[in-house]
PDB file of N, CA and C in Angstrom:
ATOM      1  N   MET A   1      93.929   1.458 143.724  1.00  0.00           N
ATOM      2  CA  MET A   1      93.859   2.559 143.128  1.00  0.00           C
ATOM      3  C   MET A   1      95.532   2.520 142.431  1.00  0.00           C
ATOM      4  N   THR A   2      96.766   2.613 143.070  1.00  0.00           N
ATOM      5  CA  THR A   2      98.014   2.847 143.123  1.00  0.00           C
ATOM      6  C   THR A   2      98.542   1.414 142.382  1.00  0.00           C
ATOM      7  N   THR A   3      97.816   0.468 142.502  1.00  0.00           N
ATOM      8  CA  THR A   3      98.248  -0.905 142.000  1.00  0.00           C
ATOM      9  C   THR A   3      97.652  -0.817 140.521  1.00  0.00           C
ATOM     10  N   VAL A   4      96.504  -0.406 140.034  1.00  0.00           N
ATOM     11  CA  VAL A   4      95.940  -0.371 138.948  1.00  0.00           C
ATOM     12  C   VAL A   4      96.778   0.743 137.822  1.00  0.00           C
ATOM     13  N   ILE A   5      97.461   2.036 138.697  1.00  0.00           N
ATOM     14  CA  ILE A   5      98.023   2.887 138.145  1.00  0.00           C
ATOM     15  C   ILE A   5      99.429   2.399 137.728  1.00  0.00           C
ATOM     16  N   LEU A   6     100.040   1.578 138.648  1.00  0.00           N
ATOM     17  CA  LEU A   6     101.202   0.800 138.185  1.00  0.00           C
ATOM     18  C   LEU A   6     101.257  -0.206 137.463  1.00  0.00           C
ATOM     19  N   ALA A   7     100.229  -1.101 137.266  1.00  0.00           N
ATOM     20  CA  ALA A   7      99.765  -2.152 136.297  1.00  0.00           C
ATOM     21  C   ALA A   7      99.710  -1.561 134.803  1.00  0.00           C
ATOM     22  N   VAL A   8      99.308  -0.185 134.844  1.00  0.00           N
ATOM     23  CA  VAL A   8      99.008   0.508 133.732  1.00  0.00           C
ATOM     24  C   VAL A   8     100.482   0.948 133.472  1.00  0.00           C
ATOM     25  N   GLY A   9     101.055   1.479 134.049  1.00  0.00           N
ATOM     26  CA  GLY A   9     102.225   2.386 133.372  1.00  0.00           C
ATOM     27  C   GLY A   9     103.118   1.098 133.088  1.00  0.00           C
ATOM     28  N   LEU A  10     103.281   0.015 133.989  1.00  0.00           N
ATOM     29  CA  LEU A  10     103.963  -1.309 133.609  1.00  0.00           C
ATOM     30  C   LEU A  10     104.086  -1.678 132.245  1.00  0.00           C
ATOM     31  N   SER A  11     102.394  -1.800 131.729  1.00  0.00           N
ATOM     32  CA  SER A  11     101.726  -2.449 130.578  1.00  0.00           C
ATOM     33  C   SER A  11     102.309  -1.477 129.542  1.00  0.00           C
ATOM     34  N   TYR A  12     102.177  -0.146 129.482  1.00  0.00           N
ATOM     35  CA  TYR A  12     102.692   1.016 128.830  1.00  0.00           C
ATOM     36  C   TYR A  12     104.565   0.836 128.330  1.00  0.00           C
ATOM     37  N   VAL A  13     105.077   0.563 129.265  1.00  0.00           N
ATOM     38  CA  VAL A  13     106.462   0.737 129.205  1.00  0.00           C
ATOM     39  C   VAL A  13     106.605  -0.854 128.419  1.00  0.00           C
ATOM     40  N   VAL A  14     106.105  -1.807 128.634  1.00  0.00           N
ATOM     41  CA  VAL A  14     106.141  -2.928 128.087  1.00  0.00           C
ATOM     42  C   VAL A  14     106.188  -3.304 126.603  1.00  0.00           C
ATOM     43  N   ILE A  15     104.788  -2.250 126.338  1.00  0.00           N
ATOM     44  CA  ILE A  15     104.409  -2.285 124.879  1.00  0.00           C
ATOM     45  C   ILE A  15     105.242  -1.355 124.083  1.00  0.00           C
ATOM     46  N   ALA A  16     106.144  -0.141 124.921  1.00  0.00           N
ATOM     47  CA  ALA A  16     106.667   0.561 124.188  1.00  0.00           C
ATOM     48  C   ALA A  16     108.181  -0.300 124.186  1.00  0.00           C
ATOM     49  N   LEU A  17     108.656  -1.114 124.679  1.00  0.00           N
ATOM     50  CA  LEU A  17     109.984  -2.113 124.579  1.00  0.00           C
ATOM     51  C   LEU A  17     109.642  -2.926 123.499  1.00  0.00           C
ATOM     52  N   ALA A  18     108.336  -3.507 123.217  1.00  0.00           N
ATOM     53  CA  ALA A  18     108.264  -4.416 122.244  1.00  0.00           C
ATOM     54  C   ALA A  18     108.438  -3.313 120.803  1.00  0.00           C
ATOM     55  N   ILE A  19     107.840  -2.933 120.988  1.00  0.00           N
ATOM     56  CA  ILE A  19     108.020  -1.745 120.075  1.00  0.00           C
ATOM     57  C   ILE A  19     109.256  -1.111 119.167  1.00  0.00           C
ATOM     58  N   ALA A  20     109.892  -0.598 120.284  1.00  0.00           N
ATOM     59  CA  ALA A  20     111.210  -0.197 119.928  1.00  0.00           C
ATOM     60  C   ALA A  20     112.202  -1.755 119.575  1.00  0.00           C
ATOM     61  N   MET A  21     111.863  -2.751 119.985  1.00  0.00           N
ATOM     62  CA  MET A  21     112.706  -3.448 119.484  1.00  0.00           C
ATOM     63  C   MET A  21     112.507  -4.238 118.389  1.00  0.00           C
ATOM     64  N   VAL A  22     111.054  -3.989 117.801  1.00  0.00           N
ATOM     65  CA  VAL A  22     110.760  -4.107 116.662  1.00  0.00           C
ATOM     66  C   VAL A  22     111.205  -3.821 115.573  1.00  0.00           C
ATOM     67  N   TYR A  23     111.180  -2.194 115.890  1.00  0.00           N
ATOM     68  CA  TYR A  23     111.701  -0.981 115.299  1.00  0.00           C
ATOM     69  C   TYR A  23     113.426  -1.315 114.640  1.00  0.00           C
ATOM     70  N   VAL A  24     114.076  -1.369 116.230  1.00  0.00           N
ATOM     71  CA  VAL A  24     115.478  -1.677 116.370  1.00  0.00           C
ATOM     72  C   VAL A  24     115.932  -3.056 115.350  1.00  0.00           C
ATOM     73  N   TYR A  25     115.586  -3.992 116.045  1.00  0.00           N
ATOM     74  CA  TYR A  25     116.267  -5.364 115.550  1.00  0.00           C
ATOM     75  C   TYR A  25     115.366  -5.809 114.485  1.00  0.00           C
ATOM     76  N   GLY A  26     114.228  -5.686 114.362  1.00  0.00           N
ATOM     77  CA  GLY A  26     113.491  -6.369 113.378  1.00  0.00           C
ATOM     78  C   GLY A  26     113.340  -5.712 112.100  1.00  0.00           C
ATOM     79  N   PHE A  27     113.029  -4.677 112.058  1.00  0.00           N
ATOM     80  CA  PHE A  27     113.356  -3.671 110.543  1.00  0.00           C
ATOM     81  C   PHE A  27     114.596  -3.328 110.300  1.00  0.00           C
ATOM     82  N   LYS A  28     115.570  -3.087 111.712  1.00  0.00           N
ATOM     83  CA  LYS A  28     116.913  -2.855 111.501  1.00  0.00           C
ATOM     84  C   LYS A  28     117.069  -1.249 110.919  1.00  0.00           C
ATOM     85  N   ARG A  29     115.946  -0.107 111.809  1.00  0.00           N
ATOM     86  CA  ARG A  29     115.904   1.268 111.563  1.00  0.00           C
ATOM     87  C   ARG A  29     117.219   1.667 112.500  1.00  0.00           C
ATOM     88  N   ARG A  30     117.762   2.850 112.029  1.00  0.00           N
ATOM     89  CA  ARG A  30     118.768   3.608 112.768  1.00  0.00           C
ATOM     90  C   ARG A  30     118.321   4.495 113.444  1.00  0.00           C
ATOM     91  N   PHE A  31     118.266   4.817 114.595  1.00  0.00           N
ATOM     92  CA  PHE A  31     118.054   6.276 115.325  1.00  0.00           C
ATOM     93  C   PHE A  31     118.660   6.962 116.055  1.00  0.00           C
ATOM     94  N   ALA A  32     118.708   8.039 116.716  1.00  0.00           N
ATOM     95  CA  ALA A  32     119.963   8.833 117.250  1.00  0.00           C
ATOM     96  C   ALA A  32     119.516   7.980 118.620  1.00  0.00           C
ATOM     97  N   GLY A  33     120.602   7.951 119.466  1.00  0.00           N
ATOM     98  CA  GLY A  33     120.661   6.877 120.350  1.00  0.00           C
ATOM     99  C   GLY A  33     120.505   5.378 120.670  1.00  0.00           C
ATOM    100  N   ASN A  34     120.482   5.221 119.097  1.00  0.00           N
ATOM    101  CA  ASN A  34     120.235   3.352 118.722  1.00  0.00           C
ATOM    102  C   ASN A  34     118.779   2.957 119.703  1.00  0.00           C
ATOM    103  N   PHE A  35     119.384   1.873 120.387  1.00  0.00           N
ATOM    104  CA  PHE A  35     118.082   1.471 120.992  1.00  0.00           C
ATOM    105  C   PHE A  35     117.568   2.343 122.034  1.00  0.00           C
ATOM    106  N   TRP A  36     118.016   2.953 122.767  1.00  0.00           N
ATOM    107  CA  TRP A  36     117.726   3.470 124.141  1.00  0.00           C
ATOM    108  C   TRP A  36     116.769   4.767 123.397  1.00  0.00           C
ATOM    109  N   GLY A  37     117.656   5.303 122.585  1.00  0.00           N
ATOM    110  CA  GLY A  37     116.411   6.771 122.113  1.00  0.00           C
ATOM    111  C   GLY A  37     115.661   6.356 121.452  1.00  0.00           C
ATOM    112  N   ALA A  38     115.271   5.225 120.503  1.00  0.00           N
ATOM    113  CA  ALA A  38     113.950   4.757 120.096  1.00  0.00           C
ATOM    114  C   ALA A  38     112.945   4.119 121.592  1.00  0.00           C
ATOM    115  N   LEU A  39     113.475   3.590 122.616  1.00  0.00           N
ATOM    116  CA  LEU A  39     112.613   3.347 123.834  1.00  0.00           C
ATOM    117  C   LEU A  39     112.471   4.045 124.631  1.00  0.00           C
ATOM    118  N   VAL A  40     113.398   5.438 124.694  1.00  0.00           N
ATOM    119  CA  VAL A  40     112.337   6.514 124.996  1.00  0.00           C
ATOM    120  C   VAL A  40     111.429   7.499 124.555  1.00  0.00           C
ATOM    121  N   VAL A  41     111.551   7.318 123.134  1.00  0.00           N
ATOM    122  CA  VAL A  41     110.335   7.747 122.356  1.00  0.00           C
ATOM    123  C   VAL A  41     109.438   6.942 122.062  1.00  0.00           C
ATOM    124  N   ALA A  42     109.714   5.462 122.199  1.00  0.00           N
ATOM    125  CA  ALA A  42     108.075   4.768 122.093  1.00  0.00           C
ATOM    126  C   ALA A  42     107.464   4.716 123.747  1.00  0.00           C
ATOM    127  N   ILE A  43     108.228   4.794 124.393  1.00  0.00           N
ATOM    128  CA  ILE A  43     107.497   5.221 125.965  1.00  0.00           C
ATOM    129  C   ILE A  43     106.497   6.848 126.073  1.00  0.00           C
ATOM    130  N   ILE A  44     107.136   7.351 125.447  1.00  0.00           N
ATOM    131  CA  ILE A  44     106.797   9.125 125.451  1.00  0.00           C
ATOM    132  C   ILE A  44     105.377   8.485 124.585  1.00  0.00           C
ATOM    133  N   GLY A  45     105.600   8.081 123.154  1.00  0.00           N
ATOM    134  CA  GLY A  45     104.268   7.767 122.499  1.00  0.00           C
ATOM    135  C   GLY A  45     103.484   6.917 123.304  1.00  0.00           C
ATOM    136  N   THR A  46     103.953   6.084 124.036  1.00  0.00           N
ATOM    137  CA  THR A  46     102.779   4.991 124.379  1.00  0.00           C
ATOM    138  C   THR A  46     102.038   5.609 125.801  1.00  0.00           C
ATOM    139  N   PHE A  47     102.878   6.882 126.381  1.00  0.00           N
ATOM    140  CA  PHE A  47     102.181   7.275 127.487  1.00  0.00           C
ATOM    141  C   PHE A  47     100.988   8.699 126.477  1.00  0.00           C
ATOM    142  N   ALA A  48     101.282   9.093 125.331  1.00  0.00           N
ATOM    143  CA  ALA A  48     100.684  10.346 124.964  1.00  0.00           C
ATOM    144  C   ALA A  48      99.449   8.966 124.199  1.00  0.00           C
ATOM    145  N   GLY A  49      99.468   8.166 123.849  1.00  0.00           N
ATOM    146  CA  GLY A  49      98.291   7.162 123.439  1.00  0.00           C
ATOM    147  C   GLY A  49      97.491   6.809 124.580  1.00  0.00           C
ATOM    148  N   GLY A  50      97.876   6.378 126.028  1.00  0.00           N
ATOM    149  CA  GLY A  50      97.164   6.544 127.051  1.00  0.00           C
ATOM    150  C   GLY A  50      96.679   7.936 127.270  1.00  0.00           C
ATOM    151  N   LEU A  51      97.093   8.807 126.738  1.00  0.00           N
ATOM    152  CA  LEU A  51      96.809  10.054 127.620  1.00  0.00           C
ATOM    153  C   LEU A  51      95.343  10.116 126.325  1.00  0.00           C
ATOM    154  N   VAL A  52      95.529  10.079 125.273  1.00  0.00           N
ATOM    155  CA  VAL A  52      94.105  10.063 124.393  1.00  0.00           C
ATOM    156  C   VAL A  52      93.572   8.998 124.574  1.00  0.00           C
ATOM    157  N   ASP A  53      93.605   7.958 125.238  1.00  0.00           N
ATOM    158  CA  ASP A  53      92.571   7.171 125.361  1.00  0.00           C
ATOM    159  C   ASP A  53      91.783   7.846 126.669  1.00  0.00           C
ATOM    160  N   TYR A  54      92.642   8.260 127.715  1.00  0.00           N
ATOM    161  CA  TYR A  54      91.698   8.600 128.778  1.00  0.00           C
ATOM    162  C   TYR A  54      90.764  10.190 128.224  1.00  0.00           C
ATOM    163  N   LEU A  55      91.175  11.027 127.489  1.00  0.00           N
ATOM    164  CA  LEU A  55      90.568  12.083 127.010  1.00  0.00           C
ATOM    165  C   LEU A  55      89.445  11.632 125.952  1.00  0.00           C
ATOM    166  N   PHE A  56      89.596  10.914 125.461  1.00  0.00           N
ATOM    167  CA  PHE A  56      88.342  10.011 124.301  1.00  0.00           C
ATOM    168  C   PHE A  56      87.916   8.894 124.314  1.00  0.00           C
ATOM    169  N   SER A  57      88.055   8.619 125.810  1.00  0.00           N
ATOM    170  CA  SER A  57      87.548   6.747 125.929  1.00  0.00           C
ATOM    171  C   SER A  57      85.924   6.885 125.343  1.00  0.00           C
ATOM    172  N   ASP A  58      85.272   7.946 125.203  1.00  0.00           N
ATOM    173  CA  ASP A  58      84.272   7.557 124.955  1.00  0.00           C
ATOM    174  C   ASP A  58      84.009   7.452 123.683  1.00  0.00           C
ATOM    175  N   ILE A  59      84.913   7.661 122.727  1.00  0.00           N
ATOM    176  CA  ILE A  59      84.890   7.676 121.292  1.00  0.00           C
ATOM    177  C   ILE A  59      85.521   6.284 121.051  1.00  0.00           C
ATOM    178  N   ILE A  60      86.239   6.090 121.847  1.00  0.00           N
ATOM    179  CA  ILE A  60      87.177   4.584 121.520  1.00  0.00           C
ATOM    180  C   ILE A  60      87.094   3.543 122.379  1.00  0.00           C
ATOM    181  N   ARG A  61      85.735   3.676 123.078  1.00  0.00           N
ATOM    182  CA  ARG A  61      85.698   2.631 123.891  1.00  0.00           C
ATOM    183  C   ARG A  61      85.304   1.198 123.137  1.00  0.00           C
ATOM    184  N   HIS A  62      84.638   1.554 122.074  1.00  0.00           N
ATOM    185  CA  HIS A  62      84.328   0.284 121.278  1.00  0.00           C
ATOM    186  C   HIS A  62      85.547  -0.772 120.648  1.00  0.00           C
ATOM    187  N   LEU A  63      86.906  -0.274 120.997  1.00  0.00           N
ATOM    188  CA  LEU A  63      88.127  -1.163 120.581  1.00  0.00           C
ATOM    189  C   LEU A  63      87.761  -2.288 122.041  1.00  0.00           C
ATOM    190  N   SER A  64      88.756  -3.169 121.788  1.00  0.00           N
ATOM    191  CA  SER A  64      88.996  -3.950 122.720  1.00  0.00           C
ATOM    192  C   SER A  64      89.697  -3.330 123.719  1.00  0.00           C
ATOM    193  N   SER A  65      89.248  -4.147 125.031  1.00  0.00           N
ATOM    194  CA  SER A  65      90.027  -3.845 126.164  1.00  0.00           C
ATOM    195  C   SER A  65      90.778  -5.084 126.911  1.00  0.00           C
ATOM    196  N   VAL A  66      91.846  -4.870 127.789  1.00  0.00           N
ATOM    197  CA  VAL A  66      92.054  -5.912 128.585  1.00  0.00           C
ATOM    198  C   VAL A  66      92.109  -5.852 129.657  1.00  0.00           C
ATOM    199  N   ASN A  67      91.598  -6.734 130.604  1.00  0.00           N
ATOM    200  CA  ASN A  67      90.589  -7.016 131.719  1.00  0.00           C
ATOM    201  C   ASN A  67      89.629  -5.705 132.360  1.00  0.00           C
ATOM    202  N   GLY A  68      88.996  -5.262 130.926  1.00  0.00           N
ATOM    203  CA  GLY A  68      88.466  -3.851 131.168  1.00  0.00           C
ATOM    204  C   GLY A  68      88.578  -2.583 131.669  1.00  0.00           C
ATOM    205  N   ILE A  69      90.273  -2.734 132.044  1.00  0.00           N
ATOM    206  CA  ILE A  69      90.789  -1.376 132.617  1.00  0.00           C
ATOM    207  C   ILE A  69      92.025  -0.627 131.377  1.00  0.00           C
ATOM    208  N   LEU A  70      92.128  -1.269 130.644  1.00  0.00           N
ATOM    209  CA  LEU A  70      93.153  -1.008 129.620  1.00  0.00           C
ATOM    210  C   LEU A  70      92.786  -1.103 128.286  1.00  0.00           C
ATOM    211  N   ASN A  71      92.946  -0.380 127.476  1.00  0.00           N
ATOM    212  CA  ASN A  71      92.860  -0.155 125.995  1.00  0.00           C
ATOM    213  C   ASN A  71      94.305  -0.190 125.397  1.00  0.00           C
ATOM    214  N   ILE A  72      94.641  -0.901 124.734  1.00  0.00           N
ATOM    215  CA  ILE A  72      95.862  -1.381 124.428  1.00  0.00           C
ATOM    216  C   ILE A  72      96.498  -0.679 122.947  1.00  0.00           C
ATOM    217  N   PHE A  73      95.057  -0.435 122.222  1.00  0.00           N
ATOM    218  CA  PHE A  73      95.571   0.074 120.799  1.00  0.00           C
ATOM    219  C   PHE A  73      95.734   1.700 120.806  1.00  0.00           C
ATOM    220  N   PRO A  74      95.497   2.646 121.754  1.00  0.00           N
ATOM    221  CA  PRO A  74      95.859   3.785 121.359  1.00  0.00           C
ATOM    222  C   PRO A  74      97.327   3.900 121.944  1.00  0.00           C
ATOM    223  N   PRO A  75      97.770   2.993 122.766  1.00  0.00           N
ATOM    224  CA  PRO A  75      99.367   3.522 123.240  1.00  0.00           C
ATOM    225  C   PRO A  75     100.009   2.446 121.782  1.00  0.00           C
ATOM    226  N   ILE A  76      99.941   1.822 121.385  1.00  0.00           N
ATOM    227  CA  ILE A  76     100.525   1.107 120.163  1.00  0.00           C
ATOM    228  C   ILE A  76     100.551   1.894 119.032  1.00  0.00           C
ATOM    229  N   ILE A  77      99.127   2.752 118.585  1.00  0.00           N
ATOM    230  CA  ILE A  77      99.116   3.392 117.802  1.00  0.00           C
ATOM    231  C   ILE A  77     100.182   4.387 117.724  1.00  0.00           C
ATOM    232  N   ALA A  78     100.040   5.229 118.728  1.00  0.00           N
ATOM    233  CA  ALA A  78     100.794   6.400 119.269  1.00  0.00           C
ATOM    234  C   ALA A  78     102.366   6.078 118.988  1.00  0.00           C
ATOM    235  N   ALA A  79     102.786   5.121 119.942  1.00  0.00           N
ATOM    236  CA  ALA A  79     104.390   4.767 120.187  1.00  0.00           C
ATOM    237  C   ALA A  79     104.480   4.644 118.314  1.00  0.00           C
ATOM    238  N   THR A  80     103.966   3.515 117.442  1.00  0.00           N
ATOM    239  CA  THR A  80     104.387   3.260 116.495  1.00  0.00           C
ATOM    240  C   THR A  80     104.619   4.566 115.598  1.00  0.00           C
ATOM    241  N   MET A  81     103.289   5.478 115.771  1.00  0.00           N
ATOM    242  CA  MET A  81     103.400   6.807 115.011  1.00  0.00           C
ATOM    243  C   MET A  81     104.727   7.576 115.544  1.00  0.00           C
ATOM    244  N   VAL A  82     104.832   7.819 116.713  1.00  0.00           N
ATOM    245  CA  VAL A  82     105.756   8.439 117.036  1.00  0.00           C
ATOM    246  C   VAL A  82     107.290   8.024 116.851  1.00  0.00           C
ATOM    247  N   LEU A  83     107.590   6.614 117.228  1.00  0.00           N
ATOM    248  CA  LEU A  83     108.833   6.258 116.235  1.00  0.00           C
ATOM    249  C   LEU A  83     108.998   6.291 115.055  1.00  0.00           C
ATOM    250  N   SER A  84     108.189   6.122 114.199  1.00  0.00           N
ATOM    251  CA  SER A  84     108.045   6.453 113.083  1.00  0.00           C
ATOM    252  C   SER A  84     108.445   7.944 112.407  1.00  0.00           C
ATOM    253  N   LEU A  85     108.054   8.805 113.112  1.00  0.00           N
ATOM    254  CA  LEU A  85     108.739   9.874 113.112  1.00  0.00           C
ATOM    255  C   LEU A  85     109.935   9.989 113.271  1.00  0.00           C
ATOM    256  N   PHE A  86     110.196   9.818 114.593  1.00  0.00           N
ATOM    257  CA  PHE A  86     111.260   9.781 114.985  1.00  0.00           C
ATOM    258  C   PHE A  86     112.665   9.284 114.199  1.00  0.00           C
ATOM    259  N   ALA A  87     112.273   8.054 113.230  1.00  0.00           N
ATOM    260  CA  ALA A  87     112.964   7.161 112.638  1.00  0.00           C
ATOM    261  C   ALA A  87     113.226   7.862 111.340  1.00  0.00           C
ATOM    262  N   PHE A  88     112.604   8.616 111.121  1.00  0.00           N
ATOM    263  CA  PHE A  88     112.193   9.871 109.771  1.00  0.00           C
ATOM    264  C   PHE A  88     113.388  10.645 109.851  1.00  0.00           C
ATOM    265  N   LEU A  89     113.296  11.495 111.103  1.00  0.00           N
ATOM    266  CA  LEU A  89     113.966  12.489 111.504  1.00  0.00           C
ATOM    267  C   LEU A  89     115.385  12.137 111.981  1.00  0.00           C
ATOM    268  N   SER A  90     115.534  10.627 112.876  1.00  0.00           N
ATOM    269  CA  SER A  90     117.361  10.215 112.491  1.00  0.00           C
ATOM    270  C   SER A  90     117.583   9.773 111.180  1.00  0.00           C
ATOM    271  N   GLU A  91     117.108   9.607 110.152  1.00  0.00           N
ATOM    272  CA  GLU A  91     117.373   9.375 108.794  1.00  0.00           C
ATOM    273  C   GLU A  91     117.975  10.800 107.919  1.00  0.00           C
ATOM    274  N   ARG A  92     117.100  11.806 108.205  1.00  0.00           N
ATOM    275  CA  ARG A  92     117.443  13.089 107.753  1.00  0.00           C
ATOM    276  C   ARG A  92     118.757  13.604 108.258  1.00  0.00           C
ATOM    277  N   LYS A  93     118.700  13.246 109.628  1.00  0.00           N
ATOM    278  CA  LYS A  93     120.062  13.961 110.391  1.00  0.00           C
ATOM    279  C   LYS A  93     120.916  13.464 109.987  1.00  0.00           C
ATOM    280  N   ASP A  94     121.336  11.838 109.543  1.00  0.00           N
ATOM    281  CA  ASP A  94     122.375  11.170 109.119  1.00  0.00           C
ATOM    282  C   ASP A  94     123.041  11.822 107.944  1.00  0.00           C
ATOM    283  N   HIS A  95     122.073  12.412 106.745  1.00  0.00           N
ATOM    284  CA  HIS A  95     122.451  13.190 105.688  1.00  0.00           C
ATOM    285  C   HIS A  95     123.359  14.355 105.994  1.00  0.00           C
ATOM    286  N   TYR A  96     123.084  14.954 106.619  1.00  0.00           N
ATOM    287  CA  TYR A  96     123.827  16.440 107.147  1.00  0.00           C
ATOM    288  C   TYR A  96     124.924  16.063 108.175  1.00  0.00           C
ATOM    289  N   ASP A  97     125.366  14.761 108.213  1.00  0.00           N
ATOM    290  CA  ASP A  97     126.497  14.917 109.148  1.00  0.00           C
ATOM    291  C   ASP A  97     127.429  14.725 107.793  1.00  0.00           C
TER     292      ASP A  97
END
């Protein structure tokens, strides 16, 4: 049981790392805290997406699964949404400085 929890948690962190790298280095977006701020927000987003997956798994179980234990779409979608909101708020903060 502990191995499954650690594997899922590590998968969420890797997904968050990939999404943060795409936003910071691929899209050249500026964030409060630069890469580390984006990574923290993306990690929060992936775990929020995992929570949504856990709570509404019967509704979204038709999406693809990885090894039958991990649905990767809710963490990806949630991290992208949260990071987009954070980028928007970071840009607005730059205008006030």
